[in-house]
Amino acid sequence: MSHHLSLYPWVLIRLLPPMPPVVFARFNDCCDAKGYSQTLKHLLPNAKFLIVLDISLPMEPEE
């Protein structure tokens, strides 16, 4: 994970079956992600969103 992405670990994902999920936005704070998600639910009532914490570890450089 790059340094920039590690500053925004909370990820808002839009679920679009049967297509793969799409990362919609990244946030520094869980409360910000929830607030944004609630606003989107008002604008797009049929859309489905998921908030997750991205804890992926950085890959070690190959030698």
PDB file of N, CA and C in Angstrom:
ATOM      1  N   MET A   1       0.857  -1.166   0.000  1.00  0.00           N
ATOM      2  CA  MET A   1       0.000   0.000   0.000  1.00  0.00           C
ATOM      3  C   MET A   1       0.903   1.229   0.000  1.00  0.00           C
ATOM      4  N   SER A   2       0.610   2.164  -0.884  1.00  0.00           N
ATOM      5  CA  SER A   2       1.428   3.367  -0.940  1.00  0.00           C
ATOM      6  C   SER A   2       1.157   4.236   0.283  1.00  0.00           C
ATOM      7  N   HIS A   3       2.062   5.163   0.536  1.00  0.00           N
ATOM      8  CA  HIS A   3       1.923   6.049   1.695  1.00  0.00           C
ATOM      9  C   HIS A   3       0.619   6.841   1.624  1.00  0.00           C
ATOM     10  N   HIS A   4       0.285   7.326   0.444  1.00  0.00           N
ATOM     11  CA  HIS A   4      -0.950   8.116   0.287  1.00  0.00           C
ATOM     12  C   HIS A   4      -2.170   7.287   0.673  1.00  0.00           C
ATOM     13  N   LEU A   5      -2.247   6.034   0.242  1.00  0.00           N
ATOM     14  CA  LEU A   5      -3.400   5.191   0.555  1.00  0.00           C
ATOM     15  C   LEU A   5      -3.442   4.835   2.031  1.00  0.00           C
ATOM     16  N   SER A   6      -2.273   4.748   2.679  1.00  0.00           N
ATOM     17  CA  SER A   6      -2.267   4.414   4.100  1.00  0.00           C
ATOM     18  C   SER A   6      -2.812   5.562   4.954  1.00  0.00           C
ATOM     19  N   LEU A   7      -2.845   6.774   4.408  1.00  0.00           N
ATOM     20  CA  LEU A   7      -3.420   7.911   5.127  1.00  0.00           C
ATOM     21  C   LEU A   7      -4.941   7.863   5.120  1.00  0.00           C
ATOM     22  N   TYR A   8      -5.511   7.087   4.219  1.00  0.00           N
ATOM     23  CA  TYR A   8      -6.963   6.982   4.075  1.00  0.00           C
ATOM     24  C   TYR A   8      -7.373   5.509   4.116  1.00  0.00           C
ATOM     25  N   PRO A   9      -7.353   4.905   5.314  1.00  0.00           N
ATOM     26  CA  PRO A   9      -7.585   3.457   5.393  1.00  0.00           C
ATOM     27  C   PRO A   9      -9.047   3.033   5.259  1.00  0.00           C
ATOM     28  N   TRP A  10      -9.987   3.946   5.444  1.00  0.00           N
ATOM     29  CA  TRP A  10     -11.402   3.578   5.343  1.00  0.00           C
ATOM     30  C   TRP A  10     -11.845   3.701   3.895  1.00  0.00           C
ATOM     31  N   VAL A  11     -12.436   2.631   3.370  1.00  0.00           N
ATOM     32  CA  VAL A  11     -12.786   2.565   1.961  1.00  0.00           C
ATOM     33  C   VAL A  11     -14.296   2.393   1.811  1.00  0.00           C
ATOM     34  N   LEU A  12     -14.890   3.194   0.954  1.00  0.00           N
ATOM     35  CA  LEU A  12     -16.301   3.065   0.613  1.00  0.00           C
ATOM     36  C   LEU A  12     -16.363   2.348  -0.729  1.00  0.00           C
ATOM     37  N   ILE A  13     -17.017   1.195  -0.739  1.00  0.00           N
ATOM     38  CA  ILE A  13     -17.092   0.358  -1.928  1.00  0.00           C
ATOM     39  C   ILE A  13     -18.534   0.331  -2.410  1.00  0.00           C
ATOM     40  N   ARG A  14     -18.712   0.479  -3.707  1.00  0.00           N
ATOM     41  CA  ARG A  14     -20.052   0.354  -4.290  1.00  0.00           C
ATOM     42  C   ARG A  14     -20.190  -1.048  -4.862  1.00  0.00           C
ATOM     43  N   LEU A  15     -21.258  -1.713  -4.468  1.00  0.00           N
ATOM     44  CA  LEU A  15     -21.534  -3.064  -4.942  1.00  0.00           C
ATOM     45  C   LEU A  15     -22.426  -2.974  -6.171  1.00  0.00           C
ATOM     46  N   LEU A  16     -21.940  -3.545  -7.265  1.00  0.00           N
ATOM     47  CA  LEU A  16     -22.651  -3.492  -8.544  1.00  0.00           C
ATOM     48  C   LEU A  16     -22.773  -4.894  -9.136  1.00  0.00           C
ATOM     49  N   PRO A  17     -23.606  -5.752  -8.543  1.00  0.00           N
ATOM     50  CA  PRO A  17     -23.701  -7.112  -9.081  1.00  0.00           C
ATOM     51  C   PRO A  17     -24.190  -7.086 -10.524  1.00  0.00           C
ATOM     52  N   PRO A  18     -23.730  -7.905 -11.398  1.00  0.00           N
ATOM     53  CA  PRO A  18     -22.771  -8.994 -11.260  1.00  0.00           C
ATOM     54  C   PRO A  18     -21.332  -8.564 -11.506  1.00  0.00           C
ATOM     55  N   MET A  19     -21.079  -7.266 -11.622  1.00  0.00           N
ATOM     56  CA  MET A  19     -19.716  -6.780 -11.841  1.00  0.00           C
ATOM     57  C   MET A  19     -18.946  -6.772 -10.529  1.00  0.00           C
ATOM     58  N   PRO A  20     -17.606  -6.692 -10.614  1.00  0.00           N
ATOM     59  CA  PRO A  20     -16.809  -6.630  -9.379  1.00  0.00           C
ATOM     60  C   PRO A  20     -17.086  -5.338  -8.605  1.00  0.00           C
ATOM     61  N   PRO A  21     -16.892  -5.354  -7.290  1.00  0.00           N
ATOM     62  CA  PRO A  21     -17.070  -4.127  -6.490  1.00  0.00           C
ATOM     63  C   PRO A  21     -16.110  -3.032  -6.936  1.00  0.00           C
ATOM     64  N   VAL A  22     -16.537  -1.781  -6.745  1.00  0.00           N
ATOM     65  CA  VAL A  22     -15.741  -0.628  -7.165  1.00  0.00           C
ATOM     66  C   VAL A  22     -15.409   0.216  -5.942  1.00  0.00           C
ATOM     67  N   VAL A  23     -14.119   0.544  -5.773  1.00  0.00           N
ATOM     68  CA  VAL A  23     -13.733   1.468  -4.698  1.00  0.00           C
ATOM     69  C   VAL A  23     -14.224   2.844  -5.114  1.00  0.00           C
ATOM     70  N   PHE A  24     -15.144   3.375  -4.318  1.00  0.00           N
ATOM     71  CA  PHE A  24     -15.810   4.629  -4.651  1.00  0.00           C
ATOM     72  C   PHE A  24     -15.079   5.826  -4.048  1.00  0.00           C
ATOM     73  N   ALA A  25     -14.583   5.669  -2.800  1.00  0.00           N
ATOM     74  CA  ALA A  25     -13.892   6.769  -2.127  1.00  0.00           C
ATOM     75  C   ALA A  25     -13.076   6.220  -0.963  1.00  0.00           C
ATOM     76  N   ARG A  26     -12.094   7.003  -0.507  1.00  0.00           N
ATOM     77  CA  ARG A  26     -11.269   6.645   0.648  1.00  0.00           C
ATOM     78  C   ARG A  26     -11.353   7.772   1.662  1.00  0.00           C
ATOM     79  N   PHE A  27     -11.306   7.381   2.949  1.00  0.00           N
ATOM     80  CA  PHE A  27     -11.448   8.359   4.025  1.00  0.00           C
ATOM     81  C   PHE A  27     -10.439   8.092   5.133  1.00  0.00           C
ATOM     82  N   ASN A  28     -10.084   9.153   5.849  1.00  0.00           N
ATOM     83  CA  ASN A  28      -9.186   9.045   6.986  1.00  0.00           C
ATOM     84  C   ASN A  28      -9.933   8.579   8.231  1.00  0.00           C
ATOM     85  N   ASP A  29     -11.207   8.893   8.316  1.00  0.00           N
ATOM     86  CA  ASP A  29     -11.998   8.639   9.517  1.00  0.00           C
ATOM     87  C   ASP A  29     -13.245   7.839   9.160  1.00  0.00           C
ATOM     88  N   CYS A  30     -13.605   6.880  10.002  1.00  0.00           N
ATOM     89  CA  CYS A  30     -14.793   6.059   9.780  1.00  0.00           C
ATOM     90  C   CYS A  30     -16.060   6.908   9.784  1.00  0.00           C
ATOM     91  N   CYS A  31     -16.126   7.898  10.641  1.00  0.00           N
ATOM     92  CA  CYS A  31     -17.313   8.770  10.703  1.00  0.00           C
ATOM     93  C   CYS A  31     -17.515   9.522   9.392  1.00  0.00           C
ATOM     94  N   ASP A  32     -16.439   9.942   8.762  1.00  0.00           N
ATOM     95  CA  ASP A  32     -16.541  10.616   7.474  1.00  0.00           C
ATOM     96  C   ASP A  32     -17.103   9.663   6.421  1.00  0.00           C
ATOM     97  N   ALA A  33     -16.630   8.432   6.429  1.00  0.00           N
ATOM     98  CA  ALA A  33     -17.115   7.434   5.470  1.00  0.00           C
ATOM     99  C   ALA A  33     -18.598   7.152   5.681  1.00  0.00           C
ATOM    100  N   LYS A  34     -19.032   7.048   6.932  1.00  0.00           N
ATOM    101  CA  LYS A  34     -20.453   6.793   7.222  1.00  0.00           C
ATOM    102  C   LYS A  34     -21.321   7.961   6.789  1.00  0.00           C
ATOM    103  N   GLY A  35     -20.865   9.173   7.049  1.00  0.00           N
ATOM    104  CA  GLY A  35     -21.621  10.354   6.644  1.00  0.00           C
ATOM    105  C   GLY A  35     -21.760  10.454   5.137  1.00  0.00           C
ATOM    106  N   TYR A  36     -20.687  10.187   4.426  1.00  0.00           N
ATOM    107  CA  TYR A  36     -20.704  10.221   2.967  1.00  0.00           C
ATOM    108  C   TYR A  36     -21.641   9.136   2.435  1.00  0.00           C
ATOM    109  N   SER A  37     -21.584   7.959   3.072  1.00  0.00           N
ATOM    110  CA  SER A  37     -22.442   6.850   2.675  1.00  0.00           C
ATOM    111  C   SER A  37     -23.919   7.201   2.866  1.00  0.00           C
ATOM    112  N   GLN A  38     -24.249   7.851   3.975  1.00  0.00           N
ATOM    113  CA  GLN A  38     -25.640   8.244   4.219  1.00  0.00           C
ATOM    114  C   GLN A  38     -26.125   9.257   3.185  1.00  0.00           C
ATOM    115  N   THR A  39     -25.265  10.177   2.813  1.00  0.00           N
ATOM    116  CA  THR A  39     -25.627  11.156   1.790  1.00  0.00           C
ATOM    117  C   THR A  39     -25.877  10.464   0.457  1.00  0.00           C
ATOM    118  N   LEU A  40     -25.009   9.509   0.113  1.00  0.00           N
ATOM    119  CA  LEU A  40     -25.195   8.780  -1.143  1.00  0.00           C
ATOM    120  C   LEU A  40     -26.475   7.952  -1.143  1.00  0.00           C
ATOM    121  N   LYS A  41     -26.856   7.426   0.023  1.00  0.00           N
ATOM    122  CA  LYS A  41     -28.093   6.640   0.108  1.00  0.00           C
ATOM    123  C   LYS A  41     -29.313   7.512  -0.184  1.00  0.00           C
ATOM    124  N   HIS A  42     -29.232   8.806   0.167  1.00  0.00           N
ATOM    125  CA  HIS A  42     -30.331   9.723  -0.152  1.00  0.00           C
ATOM    126  C   HIS A  42     -30.357  10.033  -1.646  1.00  0.00           C
ATOM    127  N   LEU A  43     -29.173  10.161  -2.238  1.00  0.00           N
ATOM    128  CA  LEU A  43     -29.085  10.486  -3.662  1.00  0.00           C
ATOM    129  C   LEU A  43     -29.329   9.274  -4.551  1.00  0.00           C
ATOM    130  N   LEU A  44     -28.858   8.104  -4.116  1.00  0.00           N
ATOM    131  CA  LEU A  44     -28.974   6.857  -4.880  1.00  0.00           C
ATOM    132  C   LEU A  44     -29.607   5.793  -3.987  1.00  0.00           C
ATOM    133  N   PRO A  45     -30.922   5.839  -3.783  1.00  0.00           N
ATOM    134  CA  PRO A  45     -31.552   4.949  -2.796  1.00  0.00           C
ATOM    135  C   PRO A  45     -31.429   3.459  -3.113  1.00  0.00           C
ATOM    136  N   ASN A  46     -31.281   3.084  -4.374  1.00  0.00           N
ATOM    137  CA  ASN A  46     -31.180   1.665  -4.735  1.00  0.00           C
ATOM    138  C   ASN A  46     -29.750   1.148  -4.765  1.00  0.00           C
ATOM    139  N   ALA A  47     -28.775   2.028  -4.624  1.00  0.00           N
ATOM    140  CA  ALA A  47     -27.376   1.622  -4.658  1.00  0.00           C
ATOM    141  C   ALA A  47     -26.975   0.978  -3.328  1.00  0.00           C
ATOM    142  N   LYS A  48     -26.028   0.057  -3.393  1.00  0.00           N
ATOM    143  CA  LYS A  48     -25.531  -0.612  -2.188  1.00  0.00           C
ATOM    144  C   LYS A  48     -24.061  -0.265  -2.008  1.00  0.00           C
ATOM    145  N   PHE A  49     -23.726   0.161  -0.786  1.00  0.00           N
ATOM    146  CA  PHE A  49     -22.364   0.549  -0.452  1.00  0.00           C
ATOM    147  C   PHE A  49     -21.890  -0.237   0.758  1.00  0.00           C
ATOM    148  N   LEU A  50     -20.594  -0.403   0.851  1.00  0.00           N
ATOM    149  CA  LEU A  50     -19.971  -1.130   1.946  1.00  0.00           C
ATOM    150  C   LEU A  50     -18.765  -0.320   2.417  1.00  0.00           C
ATOM    151  N   ILE A  51     -18.623  -0.174   3.734  1.00  0.00           N
ATOM    152  CA  ILE A  51     -17.479   0.536   4.309  1.00  0.00           C
ATOM    153  C   ILE A  51     -16.562  -0.504   4.941  1.00  0.00           C
ATOM    154  N   VAL A  52     -15.288  -0.489   4.545  1.00  0.00           N
ATOM    155  CA  VAL A  52     -14.322  -1.444   5.089  1.00  0.00           C
ATOM    156  C   VAL A  52     -13.044  -0.716   5.490  1.00  0.00           C
ATOM    157  N   LEU A  53     -12.320  -1.340   6.401  1.00  0.00           N
ATOM    158  CA  LEU A  53     -11.012  -0.844   6.816  1.00  0.00           C
ATOM    159  C   LEU A  53      -9.960  -1.599   6.024  1.00  0.00           C
ATOM    160  N   ASP A  54      -9.194  -0.905   5.220  1.00  0.00           N
ATOM    161  CA  ASP A  54      -8.161  -1.518   4.388  1.00  0.00           C
ATOM    162  C   ASP A  54      -6.900  -1.679   5.219  1.00  0.00           C
ATOM    163  N   ILE A  55      -6.630  -2.905   5.657  1.00  0.00           N
ATOM    164  CA  ILE A  55      -5.458  -3.160   6.494  1.00  0.00           C
ATOM    165  C   ILE A  55      -4.405  -3.975   5.752  1.00  0.00           C
ATOM    166  N   SER A  56      -4.430  -3.901   4.436  1.00  0.00           N
ATOM    167  CA  SER A  56      -3.464  -4.670   3.660  1.00  0.00           C
ATOM    168  C   SER A  56      -2.047  -4.234   4.010  1.00  0.00           C
ATOM    169  N   LEU A  57      -1.183  -5.201   4.092  1.00  0.00           N
ATOM    170  CA  LEU A  57       0.204  -4.949   4.456  1.00  0.00           C
ATOM    171  C   LEU A  57       1.021  -4.652   3.206  1.00  0.00           C
ATOM    172  N   PRO A  58       2.011  -3.785   3.306  1.00  0.00           N
ATOM    173  CA  PRO A  58       2.847  -3.503   2.140  1.00  0.00           C
ATOM    174  C   PRO A  58       3.647  -4.740   1.743  1.00  0.00           C
ATOM    175  N   MET A  59       3.821  -4.893   0.452  1.00  0.00           N
ATOM    176  CA  MET A  59       4.598  -6.036  -0.046  1.00  0.00           C
ATOM    177  C   MET A  59       6.077  -5.786   0.180  1.00  0.00           C
ATOM    178  N   GLU A  60       6.786  -6.833   0.531  1.00  0.00           N
ATOM    179  CA  GLU A  60       8.221  -6.714   0.712  1.00  0.00           C
ATOM    180  C   GLU A  60       8.897  -6.693  -0.652  1.00  0.00           C
ATOM    181  N   PRO A  61       9.935  -5.887  -0.818  1.00  0.00           N
ATOM    182  CA  PRO A  61      10.613  -5.841  -2.129  1.00  0.00           C
ATOM    183  C   PRO A  61      11.279  -7.187  -2.422  1.00  0.00           C
ATOM    184  N   GLU A  62      11.189  -7.573  -3.683  1.00  0.00           N
ATOM    185  CA  GLU A  62      11.825  -8.834  -4.095  1.00  0.00           C
ATOM    186  C   GLU A  62      13.307  -8.615  -4.269  1.00  0.00           C
ATOM    187  N   GLU A  63      14.064  -9.651  -3.949  1.00  0.00           N
ATOM    188  CA  GLU A  63      15.523  -9.544  -4.102  1.00  0.00           C
ATOM    189  C   GLU A  63      16.011 -10.375  -5.232  1.00  0.00           C
TER     190      GLU A  63
END
